[in-house]
Amino acid sequence: MTVDERKITLVSEHEGQKFYFCSAACKQKFDTDPHRYAHKI
């Protein structure tokens, strides 16, 4: 999914990189285990 970084308020940072989310549920899932998802980018 693509999100507009200028409009999004749900942001997490992992290893110096910012990740933007469309929903609080997605952000929470990422925050619980960022290594699981960050490598897919």
Protein backbone atom coordinates (compact mmCIF):
# COMPACT_ATOMS: atom_id res chain seq x y z
CA MET A 1 0.00 0.00 0.00
CA THR A 2 1.17 3.52 -0.71
CA VAL A 3 0.59 6.37 1.75
CA ASP A 4 1.23 10.09 1.44
CA GLU A 5 4.06 10.84 3.88
CA ARG A 6 2.99 14.49 4.07
CA LYS A 7 -0.49 13.62 5.35
CA ILE A 8 0.07 10.52 7.48
CA THR A 9 0.30 10.76 11.27
CA LEU A 10 1.12 7.12 12.05
CA VAL A 11 4.91 6.81 11.90
CA SER A 12 7.43 4.45 13.46
CA GLU A 13 11.20 4.50 13.21
CA HIS A 14 13.37 1.40 13.01
CA GLU A 15 17.15 1.41 12.56
CA GLY A 16 17.07 5.04 11.43
CA GLN A 17 14.39 4.54 8.78
CA LYS A 18 10.85 5.90 9.04
CA PHE A 19 7.85 3.70 8.29
CA TYR A 20 4.42 5.17 7.57
CA PHE A 21 1.11 3.41 8.25
CA CYS A 22 -2.46 3.71 7.05
CA SER A 23 -3.98 2.39 10.29
CA ALA A 24 -3.18 2.15 13.99
CA ALA A 25 -3.56 -1.63 13.81
CA CYS A 26 -0.82 -1.92 11.16
CA LYS A 27 1.49 0.36 13.13
CA GLN A 28 0.93 -1.61 16.33
CA LYS A 29 1.67 -4.88 14.55
CA PHE A 30 4.90 -3.42 13.14
CA ASP A 31 5.93 -1.94 16.50
CA THR A 32 5.53 -5.32 18.18
CA ASP A 33 8.10 -6.98 15.88
CA PRO A 34 9.71 -4.51 13.45
CA HIS A 35 12.44 -6.91 12.33
CA ARG A 36 9.79 -9.23 10.93
CA TYR A 37 8.45 -6.57 8.57
CA ALA A 38 11.29 -4.12 7.94
CA HIS A 39 13.38 -6.57 5.93
CA LYS A 40 10.62 -6.91 3.31
CA ILE A 41 11.19 -3.41 1.97
